Every structure is written in C-alpha cells, then in structure tokens.
PDB file of N, CA and C in Angstrom:
ATOM      1  N   UNK A   1     109.790 107.480  82.371  1.00  0.00           N
ATOM      2  CA  UNK A   1     108.708 107.852  81.466  1.00  0.00           C
ATOM      3  C   UNK A   1     107.581 106.836  81.591  1.00  0.00           C
ATOM      4  N   UNK A   2     106.376 107.345  81.733  1.00  0.00           N
ATOM      5  CA  UNK A   2     105.204 106.485  81.846  1.00  0.00           C
ATOM      6  C   UNK A   2     104.390 106.556  80.562  1.00  0.00           C
ATOM      7  N   UNK A   3     103.640 105.490  80.308  1.00  0.00           N
ATOM      8  CA  UNK A   3     102.713 105.486  79.174  1.00  0.00           C
ATOM      9  C   UNK A   3     101.327 105.788  79.734  1.00  0.00           C
ATOM     10  N   UNK A   4     100.726 106.884  79.257  1.00  0.00           N
ATOM     11  CA  UNK A   4      99.447 107.361  79.755  1.00  0.00           C
ATOM     12  C   UNK A   4      98.416 107.282  78.644  1.00  0.00           C
ATOM     13  N   UNK A   5      97.283 106.678  78.933  1.00  0.00           N
ATOM     14  CA  UNK A   5      96.159 106.634  78.001  1.00  0.00           C
ATOM     15  C   UNK A   5      95.231 107.792  78.346  1.00  0.00           C
ATOM     16  N   UNK A   6      94.954 108.649  77.362  1.00  0.00           N
ATOM     17  CA  UNK A   6      94.050 109.784  77.538  1.00  0.00           C
ATOM     18  C   UNK A   6      92.797 109.511  76.715  1.00  0.00           C
ATOM     19  N   UNK A   7      91.650 109.399  77.408  1.00  0.00           N
ATOM     20  CA  UNK A   7      90.393 109.018  76.758  1.00  0.00           C
ATOM     21  C   UNK A   7      89.373 110.142  76.910  1.00  0.00           C
ATOM     22  N   UNK A   8      88.979 110.726  75.792  1.00  0.00           N
ATOM     23  CA  UNK A   8      87.966 111.787  75.795  1.00  0.00           C
ATOM     24  C   UNK A   8      87.411 111.891  74.388  1.00  0.00           C
ATOM     25  N   UNK A   9      86.134 112.207  74.257  1.00  0.00           N
ATOM     26  CA  UNK A   9      85.547 112.363  72.936  1.00  0.00           C
ATOM     27  C   UNK A   9      85.810 113.753  72.359  1.00  0.00           C
ATOM     28  N   UNK A  10      86.467 114.621  73.117  1.00  0.00           N
ATOM     29  CA  UNK A  10      86.825 115.958  72.660  1.00  0.00           C
ATOM     30  C   UNK A  10      88.286 115.946  72.191  1.00  0.00           C
ATOM     31  N   UNK A  11      88.527 115.943  70.879  1.00  0.00           N
ATOM     32  CA  UNK A  11      89.902 115.870  70.366  1.00  0.00           C
ATOM     33  C   UNK A  11      90.793 117.008  70.858  1.00  0.00           C
ATOM     34  N   UNK A  12      90.220 118.200  71.052  1.00  0.00           N
ATOM     35  CA  UNK A  12      91.017 119.328  71.536  1.00  0.00           C
ATOM     36  C   UNK A  12      91.531 119.070  72.947  1.00  0.00           C
ATOM     37  N   UNK A  13      90.696 118.510  73.792  1.00  0.00           N
ATOM     38  CA  UNK A  13      91.124 118.206  75.157  1.00  0.00           C
ATOM     39  C   UNK A  13      92.189 117.107  75.144  1.00  0.00           C
ATOM     40  N   UNK A  14      91.985 116.096  74.327  1.00  0.00           N
ATOM     41  CA  UNK A  14      92.980 115.020  74.223  1.00  0.00           C
ATOM     42  C   UNK A  14      94.320 115.608  73.798  1.00  0.00           C
ATOM     43  N   UNK A  15      94.307 116.492  72.813  1.00  0.00           N
ATOM     44  CA  UNK A  15      95.547 117.088  72.322  1.00  0.00           C
ATOM     45  C   UNK A  15      96.209 117.956  73.395  1.00  0.00           C
ATOM     46  N   UNK A  16      95.432 118.768  74.092  1.00  0.00           N
ATOM     47  CA  UNK A  16      95.988 119.662  75.113  1.00  0.00           C
ATOM     48  C   UNK A  16      96.611 118.876  76.262  1.00  0.00           C
ATOM     49  N   UNK A  17      95.886 117.888  76.765  1.00  0.00           N
ATOM     50  CA  UNK A  17      96.399 117.069  77.873  1.00  0.00           C
ATOM     51  C   UNK A  17      97.610 116.263  77.406  1.00  0.00           C
ATOM     52  N   UNK A  18      97.535 115.730  76.200  1.00  0.00           N
ATOM     53  CA  UNK A  18      98.651 114.946  75.653  1.00  0.00           C
ATOM     54  C   UNK A  18      99.914 115.782  75.548  1.00  0.00           C
ATOM     55  N   UNK A  19      99.789 117.013  75.064  1.00  0.00           N
ATOM     56  CA  UNK A  19     100.960 117.880  74.925  1.00  0.00           C
ATOM     57  C   UNK A  19     101.594 118.160  76.289  1.00  0.00           C
ATOM     58  N   UNK A  20     100.773 118.393  77.303  1.00  0.00           N
ATOM     59  CA  UNK A  20     101.306 118.671  78.643  1.00  0.00           C
ATOM     60  C   UNK A  20     102.033 117.446  79.195  1.00  0.00           C
ATOM     61  N   UNK A  21     101.450 116.272  79.046  1.00  0.00           N
ATOM     62  CA  UNK A  21     102.084 115.053  79.545  1.00  0.00           C
ATOM     63  C   UNK A  21     103.367 114.730  78.769  1.00  0.00           C
ATOM     64  N   UNK A  22     103.338 114.930  77.453  1.00  0.00           N
ATOM     65  CA  UNK A  22     104.535 114.679  76.641  1.00  0.00           C
ATOM     66  C   UNK A  22     105.658 115.646  77.003  1.00  0.00           C
ATOM     67  N   UNK A  23     105.291 116.893  77.291  1.00  0.00           N
ATOM     68  CA  UNK A  23     106.289 117.889  77.688  1.00  0.00           C
ATOM     69  C   UNK A  23     106.992 117.460  78.983  1.00  0.00           C
ATOM     70  N   UNK A  24     106.294 116.682  79.802  1.00  0.00           N
ATOM     71  CA  UNK A  24     106.867 116.183  81.055  1.00  0.00           C
ATOM     72  C   UNK A  24     107.567 114.834  80.868  1.00  0.00           C
ATOM     73  N   UNK A  25     107.679 114.393  79.610  1.00  0.00           N
ATOM     74  CA  UNK A  25     108.452 113.195  79.313  1.00  0.00           C
ATOM     75  C   UNK A  25     107.665 111.904  79.233  1.00  0.00           C
ATOM     76  N   UNK A  26     106.347 111.987  79.247  1.00  0.00           N
ATOM     77  CA  UNK A  26     105.528 110.778  79.191  1.00  0.00           C
ATOM     78  C   UNK A  26     105.132 110.449  77.757  1.00  0.00           C
ATOM     79  N   UNK A  27     104.909 109.172  77.521  1.00  0.00           N
ATOM     80  CA  UNK A  27     104.369 108.718  76.235  1.00  0.00           C
ATOM     81  C   UNK A  27     102.856 108.719  76.380  1.00  0.00           C
ATOM     82  N   UNK A  28     102.159 109.328  75.431  1.00  0.00           N
ATOM     83  CA  UNK A  28     100.701 109.432  75.509  1.00  0.00           C
ATOM     84  C   UNK A  28     100.068 108.653  74.372  1.00  0.00           C
ATOM     85  N   UNK A  29      99.040 107.898  74.720  1.00  0.00           N
ATOM     86  CA  UNK A  29      98.249 107.179  73.735  1.00  0.00           C
ATOM     87  C   UNK A  29      96.840 107.777  73.791  1.00  0.00           C
ATOM     88  N   UNK A  30      96.343 108.325  72.686  1.00  0.00           N
ATOM     89  CA  UNK A  30      95.003 108.906  72.695  1.00  0.00           C
ATOM     90  C   UNK A  30      93.925 107.879  72.364  1.00  0.00           C
ATOM     91  N   UNK A  31      92.739 108.100  72.910  1.00  0.00           N
ATOM     92  CA  UNK A  31      91.547 107.344  72.535  1.00  0.00           C
ATOM     93  C   UNK A  31      90.390 108.340  72.553  1.00  0.00           C
ATOM     94  N   UNK A  32      89.482 108.219  71.597  1.00  0.00           N
ATOM     95  CA  UNK A  32      88.451 109.234  71.399  1.00  0.00           C
ATOM     96  C   UNK A  32      87.050 108.752  71.748  1.00  0.00           C
ATOM     97  N   UNK A  33      86.952 107.830  72.671  1.00  0.00           N
ATOM     98  CA  UNK A  33      85.663 107.349  73.148  1.00  0.00           C
ATOM     99  C   UNK A  33      85.877 106.228  74.132  1.00  0.00           C
ATOM    100  N   UNK A  34      84.831 105.905  74.866  1.00  0.00           N
ATOM    101  CA  UNK A  34      84.930 104.882  75.898  1.00  0.00           C
ATOM    102  C   UNK A  34      85.265 103.503  75.373  1.00  0.00           C
ATOM    103  N   UNK A  35      84.637 103.110  74.281  1.00  0.00           N
ATOM    104  CA  UNK A  35      84.900 101.773  73.726  1.00  0.00           C
ATOM    105  C   UNK A  35      86.334 101.653  73.235  1.00  0.00           C
ATOM    106  N   UNK A  36      86.802 102.689  72.528  1.00  0.00           N
ATOM    107  CA  UNK A  36      88.186 102.683  72.053  1.00  0.00           C
ATOM    108  C   UNK A  36      89.156 102.694  73.238  1.00  0.00           C
ATOM    109  N   UNK A  37      88.832 103.477  74.256  1.00  0.00           N
ATOM    110  CA  UNK A  37      89.681 103.544  75.444  1.00  0.00           C
ATOM    111  C   UNK A  37      89.789 102.208  76.146  1.00  0.00           C
ATOM    112  N   UNK A  38      88.662 101.533  76.301  1.00  0.00           N
ATOM    113  CA  UNK A  38      88.660 100.225  76.957  1.00  0.00           C
ATOM    114  C   UNK A  38      89.465  99.211  76.154  1.00  0.00           C
ATOM    115  N   UNK A  39      89.325  99.253  74.842  1.00  0.00           N
ATOM    116  CA  UNK A  39      90.105  98.353  73.984  1.00  0.00           C
ATOM    117  C   UNK A  39      91.605  98.614  74.153  1.00  0.00           C
ATOM    118  N   UNK A  40      91.996  99.891  74.162  1.00  0.00           N
ATOM    119  CA  UNK A  40      93.414 100.231  74.284  1.00  0.00           C
ATOM    120  C   UNK A  40      93.972  99.913  75.671  1.00  0.00           C
ATOM    121  N   UNK A  41      93.181 100.083  76.694  1.00  0.00           N
ATOM    122  CA  UNK A  41      93.687  99.759  78.034  1.00  0.00           C
ATOM    123  C   UNK A  41      93.944  98.259  78.146  1.00  0.00           C
ATOM    124  N   UNK A  42      93.091  97.462  77.521  1.00  0.00           N
ATOM    125  CA  UNK A  42      93.285  96.003  77.543  1.00  0.00           C
ATOM    126  C   UNK A  42      94.498  95.591  76.711  1.00  0.00           C
ATOM    127  N   UNK A  43      94.706  96.238  75.576  1.00  0.00           N
ATOM    128  CA  UNK A  43      95.832  95.902  74.697  1.00  0.00           C
ATOM    129  C   UNK A  43      97.174  96.373  75.253  1.00  0.00           C
ATOM    130  N   UNK A  44      97.201  97.594  75.776  1.00  0.00           N
ATOM    131  CA  UNK A  44      98.465  98.248  76.105  1.00  0.00           C
ATOM    132  C   UNK A  44      98.843  98.208  77.585  1.00  0.00           C
ATOM    133  N   UNK A  45      97.852  98.017  78.451  1.00  0.00           N
ATOM    134  CA  UNK A  45      98.089  98.059  79.904  1.00  0.00           C
ATOM    135  C   UNK A  45      98.962  99.273  80.268  1.00  0.00           C
ATOM    136  N   UNK A  46      98.421 100.486  80.071  1.00  0.00           N
ATOM    137  CA  UNK A  46      99.199 101.699  80.332  1.00  0.00           C
ATOM    138  C   UNK A  46      99.505 101.868  81.822  1.00  0.00           C
ATOM    139  N   UNK A  47     100.384 102.812  82.123  1.00  0.00           N
ATOM    140  CA  UNK A  47     100.744 103.094  83.511  1.00  0.00           C
ATOM    141  C   UNK A  47      99.663 103.888  84.227  1.00  0.00           C
ATOM    142  N   UNK A  48      98.820 104.607  83.487  1.00  0.00           N
ATOM    143  CA  UNK A  48      97.710 105.368  84.052  1.00  0.00           C
ATOM    144  C   UNK A  48      96.731 105.705  82.937  1.00  0.00           C
ATOM    145  N   UNK A  49      95.489 106.025  83.349  1.00  0.00           N
ATOM    146  CA  UNK A  49      94.435 106.401  82.408  1.00  0.00           C
ATOM    147  C   UNK A  49      93.805 107.706  82.876  1.00  0.00           C
ATOM    148  N   UNK A  50      93.728 108.671  81.961  1.00  0.00           N
ATOM    149  CA  UNK A  50      92.954 109.892  82.173  1.00  0.00           C
ATOM    150  C   UNK A  50      91.674 109.681  81.393  1.00  0.00           C
ATOM    151  N   UNK A  51      90.537 109.701  82.085  1.00  0.00           N
ATOM    152  CA  UNK A  51      89.290 109.214  81.505  1.00  0.00           C
ATOM    153  C   UNK A  51      88.160 110.213  81.710  1.00  0.00           C
ATOM    154  N   UNK A  52      87.638 110.743  80.607  1.00  0.00           N
ATOM    155  CA  UNK A  52      86.478 111.617  80.683  1.00  0.00           C
ATOM    156  C   UNK A  52      85.263 110.790  81.071  1.00  0.00           C
ATOM    157  N   UNK A  53      84.330 111.408  81.762  1.00  0.00           N
ATOM    158  CA  UNK A  53      83.132 110.684  82.183  1.00  0.00           C
ATOM    159  C   UNK A  53      82.068 110.696  81.104  1.00  0.00           C
ATOM    160  N   UNK A  54      81.764 111.862  80.561  1.00  0.00           N
ATOM    161  CA  UNK A  54      80.643 111.967  79.627  1.00  0.00           C
ATOM    162  C   UNK A  54      81.104 111.759  78.195  1.00  0.00           C
ATOM    163  N   UNK A  55      80.864 110.540  77.698  1.00  0.00           N
ATOM    164  CA  UNK A  55      81.185 110.201  76.316  1.00  0.00           C
ATOM    165  C   UNK A  55      79.975 109.483  75.733  1.00  0.00           C
ATOM    166  N   UNK A  56      79.750 109.633  74.434  1.00  0.00           N
ATOM    167  CA  UNK A  56      78.524 109.095  73.846  1.00  0.00           C
ATOM    168  C   UNK A  56      78.446 107.568  73.752  1.00  0.00           C
ATOM    169  N   UNK A  57      79.550 106.889  73.517  1.00  0.00           N
ATOM    170  CA  UNK A  57      79.458 105.449  73.272  1.00  0.00           C
ATOM    171  C   UNK A  57      79.465 104.616  74.554  1.00  0.00           C
ATOM    172  N   UNK A  58      80.338 104.936  75.486  1.00  0.00           N
ATOM    173  CA  UNK A  58      80.420 104.239  76.778  1.00  0.00           C
ATOM    174  C   UNK A  58      80.985 105.254  77.741  1.00  0.00           C
ATOM    175  N   UNK A  59      80.224 105.579  78.790  1.00  0.00           N
ATOM    176  CA  UNK A  59      80.699 106.641  79.673  1.00  0.00           C
ATOM    177  C   UNK A  59      81.878 106.183  80.522  1.00  0.00           C
ATOM    178  N   UNK A  60      82.588 107.163  81.046  1.00  0.00           N
ATOM    179  CA  UNK A  60      83.804 106.892  81.808  1.00  0.00           C
ATOM    180  C   UNK A  60      83.579 106.084  83.063  1.00  0.00           C
ATOM    181  N   UNK A  61      82.407 106.240  83.697  1.00  0.00           N
ATOM    182  CA  UNK A  61      82.114 105.432  84.878  1.00  0.00           C
ATOM    183  C   UNK A  61      82.079 103.949  84.507  1.00  0.00           C
ATOM    184  N   UNK A  62      81.422 103.632  83.388  1.00  0.00           N
ATOM    185  CA  UNK A  62      81.348 102.236  82.940  1.00  0.00           C
ATOM    186  C   UNK A  62      82.737 101.699  82.592  1.00  0.00           C
ATOM    187  N   UNK A  63      83.519 102.508  81.886  1.00  0.00           N
ATOM    188  CA  UNK A  63      84.871 102.087  81.503  1.00  0.00           C
ATOM    189  C   UNK A  63      85.705 101.846  82.761  1.00  0.00           C
ATOM    190  N   UNK A  64      85.631 102.753  83.720  1.00  0.00           N
ATOM    191  CA  UNK A  64      86.399 102.600  84.958  1.00  0.00           C
ATOM    192  C   UNK A  64      85.979 101.343  85.709  1.00  0.00           C
ATOM    193  N   UNK A  65      84.673 101.104  85.802  1.00  0.00           N
ATOM    194  CA  UNK A  65      84.198  99.881  86.477  1.00  0.00           C
ATOM    195  C   UNK A  65      84.771  98.627  85.820  1.00  0.00           C
ATOM    196  N   UNK A  66      84.799  98.620  84.481  1.00  0.00           N
ATOM    197  CA  UNK A  66      85.321  97.451  83.771  1.00  0.00           C
ATOM    198  C   UNK A  66      86.823  97.281  84.007  1.00  0.00           C
ATOM    199  N   UNK A  67      87.549  98.391  84.032  1.00  0.00           N
ATOM    200  CA  UNK A  67      88.990  98.320  84.309  1.00  0.00           C
ATOM    201  C   UNK A  67      89.215  97.752  85.704  1.00  0.00           C
ATOM    202  N   UNK A  68      88.495  98.278  86.684  1.00  0.00           N
ATOM    203  CA  UNK A  68      88.708  97.880  88.079  1.00  0.00           C
ATOM    204  C   UNK A  68      88.170  96.476  88.377  1.00  0.00           C
ATOM    205  N   UNK A  69      87.282  95.967  87.537  1.00  0.00           N
ATOM    206  CA  UNK A  69      86.754  94.611  87.723  1.00  0.00           C
ATOM    207  C   UNK A  69      87.661  93.548  87.106  1.00  0.00           C
ATOM    208  N   UNK A  70      88.612  93.967  86.291  1.00  0.00           N
ATOM    209  CA  UNK A  70      89.507  93.042  85.598  1.00  0.00           C
ATOM    210  C   UNK A  70      90.789  92.865  86.421  1.00  0.00           C
ATOM    211  N   UNK A  71      91.049  91.660  86.867  1.00  0.00           N
ATOM    212  CA  UNK A  71      92.215  91.396  87.721  1.00  0.00           C
ATOM    213  C   UNK A  71      93.525  91.815  87.068  1.00  0.00           C
ATOM    214  N   UNK A  72      93.603  91.754  85.758  1.00  0.00           N
ATOM    215  CA  UNK A  72      94.821  92.131  85.063  1.00  0.00           C
ATOM    216  C   UNK A  72      94.982  93.628  84.847  1.00  0.00           C
ATOM    217  N   UNK A  73      93.926  94.384  85.129  1.00  0.00           N
ATOM    218  CA  UNK A  73      93.953  95.833  84.883  1.00  0.00           C
ATOM    219  C   UNK A  73      93.710  96.674  86.128  1.00  0.00           C
ATOM    220  N   UNK A  74      93.170  96.092  87.171  1.00  0.00           N
ATOM    221  CA  UNK A  74      92.678  96.888  88.303  1.00  0.00           C
ATOM    222  C   UNK A  74      93.729  97.733  89.004  1.00  0.00           C
ATOM    223  N   UNK A  75      94.997  97.380  88.854  1.00  0.00           N
ATOM    224  CA  UNK A  75      96.051  98.174  89.500  1.00  0.00           C
ATOM    225  C   UNK A  75      96.422  99.426  88.703  1.00  0.00           C
ATOM    226  N   UNK A  76      95.900  99.568  87.493  1.00  0.00           N
ATOM    227  CA  UNK A  76      96.179 100.750  86.689  1.00  0.00           C
ATOM    228  C   UNK A  76      95.412 101.931  87.288  1.00  0.00           C
ATOM    229  N   UNK A  77      96.115 103.009  87.663  1.00  0.00           N
ATOM    230  CA  UNK A  77      95.422 104.157  88.230  1.00  0.00           C
ATOM    231  C   UNK A  77      94.556 104.870  87.190  1.00  0.00           C
ATOM    232  N   UNK A  78      93.364 105.289  87.627  1.00  0.00           N
ATOM    233  CA  UNK A  78      92.425 105.979  86.752  1.00  0.00           C
ATOM    234  C   UNK A  78      92.082 107.342  87.357  1.00  0.00           C
ATOM    235  N   UNK A  79      92.268 108.389  86.558  1.00  0.00           N
ATOM    236  CA  UNK A  79      91.860 109.742  86.922  1.00  0.00           C
ATOM    237  C   UNK A  79      90.635 110.076  86.098  1.00  0.00           C
ATOM    238  N   UNK A  80      89.492 110.234  86.765  1.00  0.00           N
ATOM    239  CA  UNK A  80      88.270 110.630  86.063  1.00  0.00           C
ATOM    240  C   UNK A  80      88.257 112.136  85.907  1.00  0.00           C
ATOM    241  N   UNK A  81      87.847 112.578  84.736  1.00  0.00           N
ATOM    242  CA  UNK A  81      87.880 113.986  84.374  1.00  0.00           C
ATOM    243  C   UNK A  81      86.536 114.363  83.777  1.00  0.00           C
ATOM    244  N   UNK A  82      85.846 115.341  84.408  1.00  0.00           N
ATOM    245  CA  UNK A  82      84.534 115.676  83.890  1.00  0.00           C
ATOM    246  C   UNK A  82      84.020 117.008  84.391  1.00  0.00           C
ATOM    247  N   UNK A  83      82.998 117.478  83.732  1.00  0.00           N
ATOM    248  CA  UNK A  83      82.332 118.710  84.134  1.00  0.00           C
ATOM    249  C   UNK A  83      80.993 118.391  84.782  1.00  0.00           C
ATOM    250  N   UNK A  84      80.721 117.141  85.086  1.00  0.00           N
ATOM    251  CA  UNK A  84      79.375 116.790  85.564  1.00  0.00           C
ATOM    252  C   UNK A  84      79.043 117.368  86.923  1.00  0.00           C
ATOM    253  N   UNK A  85      80.014 117.589  87.781  1.00  0.00           N
ATOM    254  CA  UNK A  85      79.703 118.121  89.106  1.00  0.00           C
ATOM    255  C   UNK A  85      79.040 119.489  88.998  1.00  0.00           C
ATOM    256  N   UNK A  86      79.428 120.254  87.975  1.00  0.00           N
ATOM    257  CA  UNK A  86      78.828 121.570  87.796  1.00  0.00           C
ATOM    258  C   UNK A  86      77.482 121.491  87.080  1.00  0.00           C
ATOM    259  N   UNK A  87      77.115 120.309  86.617  1.00  0.00           N
ATOM    260  CA  UNK A  87      75.864 120.138  85.882  1.00  0.00           C
ATOM    261  C   UNK A  87      74.990 119.061  86.519  1.00  0.00           C
ATOM    262  N   UNK A  88      75.107 118.899  87.836  1.00  0.00           N
ATOM    263  CA  UNK A  88      74.396 117.827  88.529  1.00  0.00           C
ATOM    264  C   UNK A  88      72.909 117.813  88.180  1.00  0.00           C
ATOM    265  N   UNK A  89      72.288 118.963  88.140  1.00  0.00           N
ATOM    266  CA  UNK A  89      70.850 118.989  87.893  1.00  0.00           C
ATOM    267  C   UNK A  89      70.499 118.560  86.473  1.00  0.00           C
ATOM    268  N   UNK A  90      71.476 118.613  85.556  1.00  0.00           N
ATOM    269  CA  UNK A  90      71.219 118.270  84.158  1.00  0.00           C
ATOM    270  C   UNK A  90      71.579 116.831  83.809  1.00  0.00           C
ATOM    271  N   UNK A  91      72.119 116.071  84.732  1.00  0.00           N
ATOM    272  CA  UNK A  91      72.661 114.768  84.366  1.00  0.00           C
ATOM    273  C   UNK A  91      72.351 113.724  85.425  1.00  0.00           C
ATOM    274  N   UNK A  92      72.510 112.473  85.046  1.00  0.00           N
ATOM    275  CA  UNK A  92      72.292 111.377  85.985  1.00  0.00           C
ATOM    276  C   UNK A  92      73.532 111.092  86.822  1.00  0.00           C
ATOM    277  N   UNK A  93      74.663 111.748  86.514  1.00  0.00           N
ATOM    278  CA  UNK A  93      75.927 111.477  87.188  1.00  0.00           C
ATOM    279  C   UNK A  93      76.100 112.331  88.435  1.00  0.00           C
ATOM    280  N   UNK A  94      76.796 111.811  89.410  1.00  0.00           N
ATOM    281  CA  UNK A  94      77.142 112.574  90.600  1.00  0.00           C
ATOM    282  C   UNK A  94      78.597 112.284  90.961  1.00  0.00           C
ATOM    283  N   UNK A  95      79.253 113.194  91.688  1.00  0.00           N
ATOM    284  CA  UNK A  95      80.641 112.936  92.087  1.00  0.00           C
ATOM    285  C   UNK A  95      80.790 111.660  92.910  1.00  0.00           C
ATOM    286  N   UNK A  96      79.780 111.309  93.698  1.00  0.00           N
ATOM    287  CA  UNK A  96      79.855 110.083  94.485  1.00  0.00           C
ATOM    288  C   UNK A  96      80.017 108.851  93.598  1.00  0.00           C
ATOM    289  N   UNK A  97      79.461 108.913  92.409  1.00  0.00           N
ATOM    290  CA  UNK A  97      79.595 107.783  91.489  1.00  0.00           C
ATOM    291  C   UNK A  97      81.054 107.538  91.128  1.00  0.00           C
ATOM    292  N   UNK A  98      81.860 108.598  91.099  1.00  0.00           N
ATOM    293  CA  UNK A  98      83.286 108.433  90.796  1.00  0.00           C
ATOM    294  C   UNK A  98      83.937 107.541  91.839  1.00  0.00           C
ATOM    295  N   UNK A  99      83.589 107.735  93.083  1.00  0.00           N
ATOM    296  CA  UNK A  99      84.161 106.914  94.146  1.00  0.00           C
ATOM    297  C   UNK A  99      83.641 105.475  94.063  1.00  0.00           C
ATOM    298  N   UNK A 100      82.408 105.316  93.671  1.00  0.00           N
ATOM    299  CA  UNK A 100      81.826 103.972  93.567  1.00  0.00           C
ATOM    300  C   UNK A 100      82.462 103.156  92.444  1.00  0.00           C
ATOM    301  N   UNK A 101      83.071 103.804  91.476  1.00  0.00           N
ATOM    302  CA  UNK A 101      83.735 103.081  90.380  1.00  0.00           C
ATOM    303  C   UNK A 101      85.140 102.642  90.767  1.00  0.00           C
ATOM    304  N   UNK A 102      85.590 103.045  91.955  1.00  0.00           N
ATOM    305  CA  UNK A 102      86.944 102.770  92.442  1.00  0.00           C
ATOM    306  C   UNK A 102      88.000 103.550  91.670  1.00  0.00           C
ATOM    307  N   UNK A 103      87.597 104.689  91.092  1.00  0.00           N
ATOM    308  CA  UNK A 103      88.574 105.567  90.441  1.00  0.00           C
ATOM    309  C   UNK A 103      89.589 106.001  91.490  1.00  0.00           C
ATOM    310  N   UNK A 104      90.814 106.218  91.057  1.00  0.00           N
ATOM    311  CA  UNK A 104      91.883 106.600  91.976  1.00  0.00           C
ATOM    312  C   UNK A 104      91.890 108.091  92.273  1.00  0.00           C
ATOM    313  N   UNK A 105      91.322 108.882  91.379  1.00  0.00           N
ATOM    314  CA  UNK A 105      91.229 110.317  91.589  1.00  0.00           C
ATOM    315  C   UNK A 105      90.123 110.839  90.682  1.00  0.00           C
ATOM    316  N   UNK A 106      89.663 112.060  90.972  1.00  0.00           N
ATOM    317  CA  UNK A 106      88.550 112.657  90.267  1.00  0.00           C
ATOM    318  C   UNK A 106      88.786 114.153  90.228  1.00  0.00           C
ATOM    319  N   UNK A 107      88.668 114.764  89.070  1.00  0.00           N
ATOM    320  CA  UNK A 107      88.833 116.210  88.963  1.00  0.00           C
ATOM    321  C   UNK A 107      87.749 116.769  88.044  1.00  0.00           C
ATOM    322  N   UNK A 108      87.239 117.946  88.432  1.00  0.00           N
ATOM    323  CA  UNK A 108      86.205 118.624  87.648  1.00  0.00           C
ATOM    324  C   UNK A 108      86.816 119.535  86.596  1.00  0.00           C
ATOM    325  N   UNK A 109      86.196 119.556  85.425  1.00  0.00           N
ATOM    326  CA  UNK A 109      86.529 120.544  84.405  1.00  0.00           C
ATOM    327  C   UNK A 109      85.789 121.826  84.778  1.00  0.00           C
ATOM    328  N   UNK A 110      86.261 122.972  84.438  1.00  0.00           N
ATOM    329  CA  UNK A 110      87.536 123.173  83.759  1.00  0.00           C
ATOM    330  C   UNK A 110      88.700 122.979  84.725  1.00  0.00           C
ATOM    331  N   UNK A 111      89.765 122.429  84.198  1.00  0.00           N
ATOM    332  CA  UNK A 111      90.980 122.204  84.979  1.00  0.00           C
ATOM    333  C   UNK A 111      92.168 122.470  84.062  1.00  0.00           C
ATOM    334  N   UNK A 112      93.210 123.020  84.624  1.00  0.00           N
ATOM    335  CA  UNK A 112      94.403 123.293  83.824  1.00  0.00           C
ATOM    336  C   UNK A 112      95.119 121.979  83.509  1.00  0.00           C
ATOM    337  N   UNK A 113      95.648 121.858  82.299  1.00  0.00           N
ATOM    338  CA  UNK A 113      96.377 120.638  81.937  1.00  0.00           C
ATOM    339  C   UNK A 113      97.517 120.327  82.910  1.00  0.00           C
ATOM    340  N   UNK A 114      98.137 121.373  83.466  1.00  0.00           N
ATOM    341  CA  UNK A 114      99.223 121.159  84.432  1.00  0.00           C
ATOM    342  C   UNK A 114      98.725 120.400  85.663  1.00  0.00           C
ATOM    343  N   UNK A 115      97.497 120.704  86.077  1.00  0.00           N
ATOM    344  CA  UNK A 115      96.923 120.013  87.243  1.00  0.00           C
ATOM    345  C   UNK A 115      96.659 118.548  86.917  1.00  0.00           C
ATOM    346  N   UNK A 116      96.187 118.281  85.719  1.00  0.00           N
ATOM    347  CA  UNK A 116      95.976 116.892  85.303  1.00  0.00           C
ATOM    348  C   UNK A 116      97.314 116.157  85.332  1.00  0.00           C
ATOM    349  N   UNK A 117      98.349 116.777  84.781  1.00  0.00           N
ATOM    350  CA  UNK A 117      99.676 116.149  84.751  1.00  0.00           C
ATOM    351  C   UNK A 117     100.181 115.883  86.170  1.00  0.00           C
ATOM    352  N   UNK A 118     100.008 116.839  87.075  1.00  0.00           N
ATOM    353  CA  UNK A 118     100.445 116.641  88.470  1.00  0.00           C
ATOM    354  C   UNK A 118      99.713 115.472  89.120  1.00  0.00           C
ATOM    355  N   UNK A 119      98.422 115.410  88.898  1.00  0.00           N
ATOM    356  CA  UNK A 119      97.641 114.329  89.512  1.00  0.00           C
ATOM    357  C   UNK A 119      98.024 112.969  88.942  1.00  0.00           C
ATOM    358  N   UNK A 120      98.229 112.907  87.631  1.00  0.00           N
ATOM    359  CA  UNK A 120      98.650 111.645  87.004  1.00  0.00           C
ATOM    360  C   UNK A 120     100.001 111.216  87.576  1.00  0.00           C
ATOM    361  N   UNK A 121     100.930 112.149  87.668  1.00  0.00           N
ATOM    362  CA  UNK A 121     102.254 111.805  88.197  1.00  0.00           C
ATOM    363  C   UNK A 121     102.179 111.349  89.651  1.00  0.00           C
ATOM    364  N   UNK A 122     101.293 111.941  90.419  1.00  0.00           N
ATOM    365  CA  UNK A 122     101.112 111.495  91.801  1.00  0.00           C
ATOM    366  C   UNK A 122     100.571 110.061  91.829  1.00  0.00           C
ATOM    367  N   UNK A 123      99.636 109.765  90.939  1.00  0.00           N
ATOM    368  CA  UNK A 123      99.067 108.416  90.893  1.00  0.00           C
ATOM    369  C   UNK A 123     100.100 107.366  90.481  1.00  0.00           C
ATOM    370  N   UNK A 124     100.933 107.682  89.496  1.00  0.00           N
ATOM    371  CA  UNK A 124     101.885 106.671  89.030  1.00  0.00           C
ATOM    372  C   UNK A 124     103.083 106.531  89.958  1.00  0.00           C
ATOM    373  N   UNK A 125     103.262 107.497  90.846  1.00  0.00           N
ATOM    374  CA  UNK A 125     104.391 107.400  91.786  1.00  0.00           C
ATOM    375  C   UNK A 125     104.041 106.602  93.035  1.00  0.00           C
ATOM    376  N   UNK A 126     102.780 106.249  93.203  1.00  0.00           N
ATOM    377  CA  UNK A 126     102.357 105.486  94.398  1.00  0.00           C
ATOM    378  C   UNK A 126     102.900 104.075  94.366  1.00  0.00           C
TER     379      UNK A 126
END
C-alpha cells in the first residue's frame, strides 16, 4: 500500500480520484490547493503526488518545481493532471512546461480515474 497525495482545488475530483486509489488499497491524503499540497508533501513525504496544474493559490507547475528542487523530496514521483492542453489558446501554460518541471508523468483531463490510478501505480513501481 502506498500513500498518495492528491492535490486539486476541485473537491469532487479529489474525492473521485481518492476513491479509486483507496479501492486499489492505497492510503490517500487530500489537499485542496497548491500551498496546502506543498505543505503536506514536505510533512508527509508521500510515495507519489497527483497534482492539478491550474489552481488559484499556487499552480501545479510551481509546486512540482519546488518538489523537484528539494533534495529530500525530488525522488517522489509527480503526476501532473490538467485540462490546459485543450485550452492552450486561453492560458499561459503548455504541455512542454510539464516536462520542464521534471514531472514524472502528465495526463490531460478529462481522464478516467482508473487511468490516473494505473499511472500512479506505474510511477511508484519504478
């Protein structure tokens, strides 16, 4: 069983992803924004992080950069989760930015919770 931190400002998405991961035997810790997520990753050092990109307080790219810049946290796998690729013209974010943050994986919304769970499990099994 792995401890997974799920960070998103959408409580419904956090609940849906959490239920899928828990059904697969994982312990899930929710966080409802980038600042809260960063605080929890530092406190708990989870086995993986599912991280939304577009959040009002601190976006997922910034949170991922901070995780990967910290020697004590950089080995924690991060899956970035967002709908920005479908809204490129409306936002400053691009999929290439996900790679520049050293995220371990990147998936576009909408995505089935089962796919998120599969990707997280692949990351923690490495």
